[in-house]
């Protein structure tokens, strides 16, 4: 179950106390900018609230592939992303997570980037698109791929072009994505993936590792 505890239109309201259910994934949006706390400050404040600890007690470490995690997590998984004027944080006691937000930038060489980072199927979905339609579809795919590899905990080591995510703009229901095994990666795994409602001119996606991960 995904709960948006703080939507992007929440303004500057303080973080409210939350007790995450075991099977729940919580999502929080925060505005960035002058006079606003930084992404790191937002993350520490939220984790402090979820774990009922002082911020000064939180200790972080990096996983094998560089993914940040709590040194004494008490089972709490989290992931954070920021772009432009927004950051978004996801947390769960049940699943490894990946979340990504990107500001839509139609001025970038989107088709060239797709040739480098997207699968053949994803590239085909972009052919014939132009302008805003191309930008919307590109960043829908990009955020989904980023969320998937972040959920796997292996980041760019797994590569972006070796798996395919759905290209349709509306992905409100969870979709299973298979991340294939690679010689330099210990295991294949499946993740669940959804799009998130994002501020205007942004795209966002959330992925979480399935509990039946293949070892």
C-alpha atoms as a PDB file:
ATOM      1  CA  UNK A   1       0.000   0.000   0.000  1.00  0.00           C
ATOM      2  CA  UNK A   2       1.340   3.419  -1.005  1.00  0.00           C
ATOM      3  CA  UNK A   3       0.365   6.412   1.129  1.00  0.00           C
ATOM      4  CA  UNK A   4       1.170   9.979   0.096  1.00  0.00           C
ATOM      5  CA  UNK A   5       1.634  11.466   3.544  1.00  0.00           C
ATOM      6  CA  UNK A   6       2.724  14.823   2.190  1.00  0.00           C
ATOM      7  CA  UNK A   7       1.544  15.776  -1.326  1.00  0.00           C
ATOM      8  CA  UNK A   8       3.463  18.344  -3.326  1.00  0.00           C
ATOM      9  CA  UNK A   9       0.748  20.967  -2.695  1.00  0.00           C
ATOM     10  CA  UNK A  10       1.188  20.735   1.093  1.00  0.00           C
ATOM     11  CA  UNK A  11       3.141  23.991   1.185  1.00  0.00           C
ATOM     12  CA  UNK A  12       5.452  24.586   4.137  1.00  0.00           C
ATOM     13  CA  UNK A  13       3.428  22.621   6.690  1.00  0.00           C
ATOM     14  CA  UNK A  14       5.606  20.756   9.230  1.00  0.00           C
ATOM     15  CA  UNK A  15       6.102  16.991   9.085  1.00  0.00           C
ATOM     16  CA  UNK A  16       3.327  15.278  10.997  1.00  0.00           C
ATOM     17  CA  UNK A  17       4.042  12.241  13.214  1.00  0.00           C
ATOM     18  CA  UNK A  18       3.490   8.975  11.315  1.00  0.00           C
ATOM     19  CA  UNK A  19       3.513   5.305  12.241  1.00  0.00           C
ATOM     20  CA  UNK A  20       4.125   3.325   9.062  1.00  0.00           C
ATOM     21  CA  UNK A  21       2.325   0.003   8.816  1.00  0.00           C
ATOM     22  CA  UNK A  22       4.516  -3.015   8.111  1.00  0.00           C
ATOM     23  CA  UNK A  23       3.365  -3.371   4.501  1.00  0.00           C
ATOM     24  CA  UNK A  24       3.110   0.347   3.788  1.00  0.00           C
ATOM     25  CA  UNK A  25       5.238   2.628   1.617  1.00  0.00           C
ATOM     26  CA  UNK A  26       5.083   6.288   2.596  1.00  0.00           C
ATOM     27  CA  UNK A  27       5.867   9.171   0.234  1.00  0.00           C
ATOM     28  CA  UNK A  28       6.634  12.782   1.191  1.00  0.00           C
ATOM     29  CA  UNK A  29       7.111  15.793  -1.135  1.00  0.00           C
ATOM     30  CA  UNK A  30       9.061  18.880  -0.093  1.00  0.00           C
ATOM     31  CA  UNK A  31       9.696  22.180  -1.847  1.00  0.00           C
ATOM     32  CA  UNK A  32      13.297  23.330  -2.189  1.00  0.00           C
ATOM     33  CA  UNK A  33      14.579  26.853  -2.492  1.00  0.00           C
ATOM     34  CA  UNK A  34      15.656  29.924  -0.599  1.00  0.00           C
ATOM     35  CA  UNK A  35      14.537  29.793   3.009  1.00  0.00           C
ATOM     36  CA  UNK A  36      13.576  26.108   2.787  1.00  0.00           C
ATOM     37  CA  UNK A  37      15.458  23.258   4.517  1.00  0.00           C
ATOM     38  CA  UNK A  38      17.840  21.285   2.301  1.00  0.00           C
ATOM     39  CA  UNK A  39      17.095  17.786   1.007  1.00  0.00           C
ATOM     40  CA  UNK A  40      19.456  16.324   3.618  1.00  0.00           C
ATOM     41  CA  UNK A  41      17.758  18.260   6.419  1.00  0.00           C
ATOM     42  CA  UNK A  42      14.328  17.127   5.228  1.00  0.00           C
ATOM     43  CA  UNK A  43      15.488  13.499   5.095  1.00  0.00           C
ATOM     44  CA  UNK A  44      17.008  13.549   8.564  1.00  0.00           C
ATOM     45  CA  UNK A  45      13.929  15.203  10.059  1.00  0.00           C
ATOM     46  CA  UNK A  46      11.635  12.631   8.460  1.00  0.00           C
ATOM     47  CA  UNK A  47      13.694   9.608   9.507  1.00  0.00           C
ATOM     48  CA  UNK A  48      13.943  11.017  13.021  1.00  0.00           C
ATOM     49  CA  UNK A  49      10.150  11.226  13.107  1.00  0.00           C
ATOM     50  CA  UNK A  50       9.617   7.714  11.738  1.00  0.00           C
ATOM     51  CA  UNK A  51      12.112   6.101  14.122  1.00  0.00           C
ATOM     52  CA  UNK A  52      11.300   8.295  17.128  1.00  0.00           C
ATOM     53  CA  UNK A  53      14.952   9.252  17.480  1.00  0.00           C
ATOM     54  CA  UNK A  54      16.850  12.489  17.737  1.00  0.00           C
ATOM     55  CA  UNK A  55      18.360  13.668  14.456  1.00  0.00           C
ATOM     56  CA  UNK A  56      21.804  13.592  16.086  1.00  0.00           C
ATOM     57  CA  UNK A  57      21.398   9.849  16.739  1.00  0.00           C
ATOM     58  CA  UNK A  58      21.013   8.943  13.062  1.00  0.00           C
ATOM     59  CA  UNK A  59      24.020   7.252  11.490  1.00  0.00           C
ATOM     60  CA  UNK A  60      24.324   6.590   7.761  1.00  0.00           C
ATOM     61  CA  UNK A  61      26.451   4.219   5.715  1.00  0.00           C
ATOM     62  CA  UNK A  62      26.762   3.184   2.079  1.00  0.00           C
ATOM     63  CA  UNK A  63      25.720  -0.200   0.716  1.00  0.00           C
ATOM     64  CA  UNK A  64      27.935  -2.307  -1.540  1.00  0.00           C
ATOM     65  CA  UNK A  65      27.001  -0.251  -4.612  1.00  0.00           C
ATOM     66  CA  UNK A  66      26.880   3.131  -2.890  1.00  0.00           C
ATOM     67  CA  UNK A  67      23.217   3.332  -1.906  1.00  0.00           C
ATOM     68  CA  UNK A  68      22.821   5.291   1.367  1.00  0.00           C
ATOM     69  CA  UNK A  69      21.186   3.488   4.275  1.00  0.00           C
ATOM     70  CA  UNK A  70      20.863   3.783   8.023  1.00  0.00           C
ATOM     71  CA  UNK A  71      23.612   2.036   9.960  1.00  0.00           C
ATOM     72  CA  UNK A  72      21.055   0.876  12.536  1.00  0.00           C
ATOM     73  CA  UNK A  73      17.931   0.878  10.407  1.00  0.00           C
ATOM     74  CA  UNK A  74      15.532  -1.109  12.624  1.00  0.00           C
ATOM     75  CA  UNK A  75      14.196  -2.420   9.322  1.00  0.00           C
ATOM     76  CA  UNK A  76      13.514   1.026   7.840  1.00  0.00           C
ATOM     77  CA  UNK A  77      14.327   1.422   4.140  1.00  0.00           C
ATOM     78  CA  UNK A  78      14.339   4.828   2.467  1.00  0.00           C
ATOM     79  CA  UNK A  79      15.232   6.557  -0.766  1.00  0.00           C
ATOM     80  CA  UNK A  80      15.330  10.194  -1.816  1.00  0.00           C
ATOM     81  CA  UNK A  81      15.475  12.160  -5.051  1.00  0.00           C
ATOM     82  CA  UNK A  82      15.566  15.849  -5.889  1.00  0.00           C
ATOM     83  CA  UNK A  83      15.381  17.926  -9.042  1.00  0.00           C
ATOM     84  CA  UNK A  84      14.805  21.615  -9.585  1.00  0.00           C
ATOM     85  CA  UNK A  85      12.546  22.976  -6.843  1.00  0.00           C
ATOM     86  CA  UNK A  86      11.390  19.617  -5.437  1.00  0.00           C
ATOM     87  CA  UNK A  87      12.573  16.631  -3.452  1.00  0.00           C
ATOM     88  CA  UNK A  88      10.639  13.459  -2.754  1.00  0.00           C
ATOM     89  CA  UNK A  89      11.319  10.807  -0.119  1.00  0.00           C
ATOM     90  CA  UNK A  90       9.965   7.261   0.195  1.00  0.00           C
ATOM     91  CA  UNK A  91      10.197   5.032   3.269  1.00  0.00           C
ATOM     92  CA  UNK A  92       9.097   1.509   4.175  1.00  0.00           C
ATOM     93  CA  UNK A  93       9.729  -1.114   6.832  1.00  0.00           C
ATOM     94  CA  UNK A  94       9.015  -3.903   4.329  1.00  0.00           C
ATOM     95  CA  UNK A  95      10.738  -3.192   1.005  1.00  0.00           C
ATOM     96  CA  UNK A  96      13.911  -1.798  -0.489  1.00  0.00           C
ATOM     97  CA  UNK A  97      12.884   1.322  -2.407  1.00  0.00           C
ATOM     98  CA  UNK A  98      13.816   3.478  -5.326  1.00  0.00           C
ATOM     99  CA  UNK A  99      12.266   6.850  -6.101  1.00  0.00           C
ATOM    100  CA  UNK A 100      13.063   9.430  -8.755  1.00  0.00           C
ATOM    101  CA  UNK A 101      11.819  12.887  -9.724  1.00  0.00           C
ATOM    102  CA  UNK A 102      13.006  14.853 -12.741  1.00  0.00           C
ATOM    103  CA  UNK A 103      12.206  18.292 -14.049  1.00  0.00           C
ATOM    104  CA  UNK A 104      11.029  17.997 -17.662  1.00  0.00           C
ATOM    105  CA  UNK A 105      13.568  19.671 -19.937  1.00  0.00           C
ATOM    106  CA  UNK A 106      12.592  19.528 -23.608  1.00  0.00           C
ATOM    107  CA  UNK A 107      15.793  21.363 -24.607  1.00  0.00           C
ATOM    108  CA  UNK A 108      17.990  18.343 -23.882  1.00  0.00           C
ATOM    109  CA  UNK A 109      18.961  15.966 -26.726  1.00  0.00           C
ATOM    110  CA  UNK A 110      16.329  13.444 -25.677  1.00  0.00           C
ATOM    111  CA  UNK A 111      16.498  11.076 -28.639  1.00  0.00           C
ATOM    112  CA  UNK A 112      20.292  10.851 -28.417  1.00  0.00           C
ATOM    113  CA  UNK A 113      20.043  10.113 -24.718  1.00  0.00           C
ATOM    114  CA  UNK A 114      17.424   7.450 -25.447  1.00  0.00           C
ATOM    115  CA  UNK A 115      19.750   5.771 -27.944  1.00  0.00           C
ATOM    116  CA  UNK A 116      22.379   5.511 -25.241  1.00  0.00           C
ATOM    117  CA  UNK A 117      20.324   4.549 -22.193  1.00  0.00           C
ATOM    118  CA  UNK A 118      16.982   3.079 -23.332  1.00  0.00           C
ATOM    119  CA  UNK A 119      16.114  -0.403 -24.555  1.00  0.00           C
ATOM    120  CA  UNK A 120      15.089  -0.927 -28.171  1.00  0.00           C
ATOM    121  CA  UNK A 121      11.440  -1.194 -27.155  1.00  0.00           C
ATOM    122  CA  UNK A 122      11.600   2.093 -25.234  1.00  0.00           C
ATOM    123  CA  UNK A 123      13.328   3.841 -28.123  1.00  0.00           C
ATOM    124  CA  UNK A 124      10.613   2.621 -30.487  1.00  0.00           C
ATOM    125  CA  UNK A 125       7.949   4.120 -28.202  1.00  0.00           C
ATOM    126  CA  UNK A 126       9.532   7.562 -28.641  1.00  0.00           C
ATOM    127  CA  UNK A 127       9.791   7.492 -32.431  1.00  0.00           C
ATOM    128  CA  UNK A 128       7.505   9.991 -34.117  1.00  0.00           C
ATOM    129  CA  UNK A 129       7.030  12.052 -30.969  1.00  0.00           C
ATOM    130  CA  UNK A 130       8.020  15.701 -30.840  1.00  0.00           C
ATOM    131  CA  UNK A 131       7.988  18.654 -28.455  1.00  0.00           C
ATOM    132  CA  UNK A 132       6.112  18.233 -25.196  1.00  0.00           C
ATOM    133  CA  UNK A 133       4.841  14.747 -26.096  1.00  0.00           C
ATOM    134  CA  UNK A 134       8.421  13.544 -26.558  1.00  0.00           C
ATOM    135  CA  UNK A 135       9.616  15.206 -23.354  1.00  0.00           C
ATOM    136  CA  UNK A 136       6.735  13.798 -21.285  1.00  0.00           C
ATOM    137  CA  UNK A 137       7.322  10.258 -22.558  1.00  0.00           C
ATOM    138  CA  UNK A 138      11.107  10.460 -22.242  1.00  0.00           C
ATOM    139  CA  UNK A 139      11.036  11.574 -18.624  1.00  0.00           C
ATOM    140  CA  UNK A 140       8.298   9.086 -17.761  1.00  0.00           C
ATOM    141  CA  UNK A 141      10.608   6.305 -18.954  1.00  0.00           C
ATOM    142  CA  UNK A 142      13.717   7.866 -17.420  1.00  0.00           C
ATOM    143  CA  UNK A 143      12.254   8.257 -13.921  1.00  0.00           C
ATOM    144  CA  UNK A 144      10.921   4.688 -14.000  1.00  0.00           C
ATOM    145  CA  UNK A 145      14.293   3.254 -14.979  1.00  0.00           C
ATOM    146  CA  UNK A 146      16.082   5.301 -12.315  1.00  0.00           C
ATOM    147  CA  UNK A 147      13.586   4.188  -9.662  1.00  0.00           C
ATOM    148  CA  UNK A 148      14.062   0.535 -10.628  1.00  0.00           C
ATOM    149  CA  UNK A 149      17.848   0.508 -10.406  1.00  0.00           C
ATOM    150  CA  UNK A 150      17.746   2.455  -7.141  1.00  0.00           C
ATOM    151  CA  UNK A 151      15.331  -0.106  -5.690  1.00  0.00           C
ATOM    152  CA  UNK A 152      17.670  -2.931  -6.696  1.00  0.00           C
ATOM    153  CA  UNK A 153      20.420  -1.330  -4.619  1.00  0.00           C
ATOM    154  CA  UNK A 154      22.869  -1.765  -7.465  1.00  0.00           C
ATOM    155  CA  UNK A 155      22.481   1.590  -9.196  1.00  0.00           C
ATOM    156  CA  UNK A 156      24.075   2.207 -12.577  1.00  0.00           C
ATOM    157  CA  UNK A 157      26.213  -0.922 -12.171  1.00  0.00           C
ATOM    158  CA  UNK A 158      23.268  -2.852 -13.548  1.00  0.00           C
ATOM    159  CA  UNK A 159      22.881  -0.541 -16.546  1.00  0.00           C
ATOM    160  CA  UNK A 160      19.815   1.225 -17.897  1.00  0.00           C
ATOM    161  CA  UNK A 161      19.464  -0.299 -21.356  1.00  0.00           C
ATOM    162  CA  UNK A 162      19.350  -3.964 -20.270  1.00  0.00           C
ATOM    163  CA  UNK A 163      15.732  -3.839 -19.063  1.00  0.00           C
ATOM    164  CA  UNK A 164      12.475  -2.295 -20.254  1.00  0.00           C
ATOM    165  CA  UNK A 165       9.845  -0.286 -18.399  1.00  0.00           C
ATOM    166  CA  UNK A 166       6.358   0.635 -19.650  1.00  0.00           C
ATOM    167  CA  UNK A 167       6.288   3.694 -21.889  1.00  0.00           C
ATOM    168  CA  UNK A 168       2.659   4.778 -21.411  1.00  0.00           C
ATOM    169  CA  UNK A 169       2.240   7.991 -19.446  1.00  0.00           C
ATOM    170  CA  UNK A 170      -0.374   6.649 -17.013  1.00  0.00           C
ATOM    171  CA  UNK A 171       1.094   3.958 -14.787  1.00  0.00           C
ATOM    172  CA  UNK A 172      -1.019   4.289 -11.674  1.00  0.00           C
ATOM    173  CA  UNK A 173      -1.211   0.537 -11.000  1.00  0.00           C
ATOM    174  CA  UNK A 174       1.892  -1.467 -10.003  1.00  0.00           C
ATOM    175  CA  UNK A 175       3.749  -3.076 -12.905  1.00  0.00           C
ATOM    176  CA  UNK A 176       6.367  -5.804 -12.446  1.00  0.00           C
ATOM    177  CA  UNK A 177       9.728  -5.127 -14.105  1.00  0.00           C
ATOM    178  CA  UNK A 178      12.320  -7.884 -14.385  1.00  0.00           C
ATOM    179  CA  UNK A 179      15.904  -6.754 -13.927  1.00  0.00           C
ATOM    180  CA  UNK A 180      18.016  -9.428 -15.646  1.00  0.00           C
ATOM    181  CA  UNK A 181      21.041 -11.123 -14.146  1.00  0.00           C
ATOM    182  CA  UNK A 182      24.414  -9.860 -15.273  1.00  0.00           C
ATOM    183  CA  UNK A 183      27.857 -11.358 -14.940  1.00  0.00           C
ATOM    184  CA  UNK A 184      28.986  -8.544 -12.641  1.00  0.00           C
ATOM    185  CA  UNK A 185      25.767  -8.491 -10.589  1.00  0.00           C
ATOM    186  CA  UNK A 186      25.081 -11.201  -8.045  1.00  0.00           C
ATOM    187  CA  UNK A 187      21.423 -11.799  -8.856  1.00  0.00           C
ATOM    188  CA  UNK A 188      18.424 -11.034 -10.978  1.00  0.00           C
ATOM    189  CA  UNK A 189      15.448  -9.412  -9.283  1.00  0.00           C
ATOM    190  CA  UNK A 190      11.931  -8.177  -9.902  1.00  0.00           C
ATOM    191  CA  UNK A 191      10.636  -4.791  -8.831  1.00  0.00           C
ATOM    192  CA  UNK A 192       7.167  -3.293  -8.694  1.00  0.00           C
ATOM    193  CA  UNK A 193       6.844   0.087 -10.377  1.00  0.00           C
ATOM    194  CA  UNK A 194       4.307   2.933 -10.422  1.00  0.00           C
ATOM    195  CA  UNK A 195       4.223   6.542 -11.545  1.00  0.00           C
ATOM    196  CA  UNK A 196       3.585   9.231  -8.931  1.00  0.00           C
ATOM    197  CA  UNK A 197       1.578  12.405  -9.270  1.00  0.00           C
ATOM    198  CA  UNK A 198       4.178  15.140  -9.568  1.00  0.00           C
ATOM    199  CA  UNK A 199       4.205  18.941  -9.675  1.00  0.00           C
ATOM    200  CA  UNK A 200       3.616  20.573 -13.080  1.00  0.00           C
ATOM    201  CA  UNK A 201       6.621  20.170 -15.414  1.00  0.00           C
ATOM    202  CA  UNK A 202       7.971  17.214 -13.401  1.00  0.00           C
ATOM    203  CA  UNK A 203       7.753  13.429 -13.676  1.00  0.00           C
ATOM    204  CA  UNK A 204       8.228  10.980 -10.813  1.00  0.00           C
ATOM    205  CA  UNK A 205       8.234   7.223 -10.248  1.00  0.00           C
ATOM    206  CA  UNK A 206       8.453   4.797  -7.333  1.00  0.00           C
ATOM    207  CA  UNK A 207       9.770   1.222  -7.360  1.00  0.00           C
ATOM    208  CA  UNK A 208      10.145  -1.372  -4.645  1.00  0.00           C
ATOM    209  CA  UNK A 209      11.912  -4.702  -4.490  1.00  0.00           C
ATOM    210  CA  UNK A 210       9.634  -7.707  -4.459  1.00  0.00           C
ATOM    211  CA  UNK A 211       9.935  -9.955  -1.433  1.00  0.00           C
ATOM    212  CA  UNK A 212      10.481 -13.015  -3.653  1.00  0.00           C
ATOM    213  CA  UNK A 213      13.802 -11.717  -5.021  1.00  0.00           C
ATOM    214  CA  UNK A 214      15.846 -14.415  -6.703  1.00  0.00           C
ATOM    215  CA  UNK A 215      19.237 -15.053  -5.096  1.00  0.00           C
END
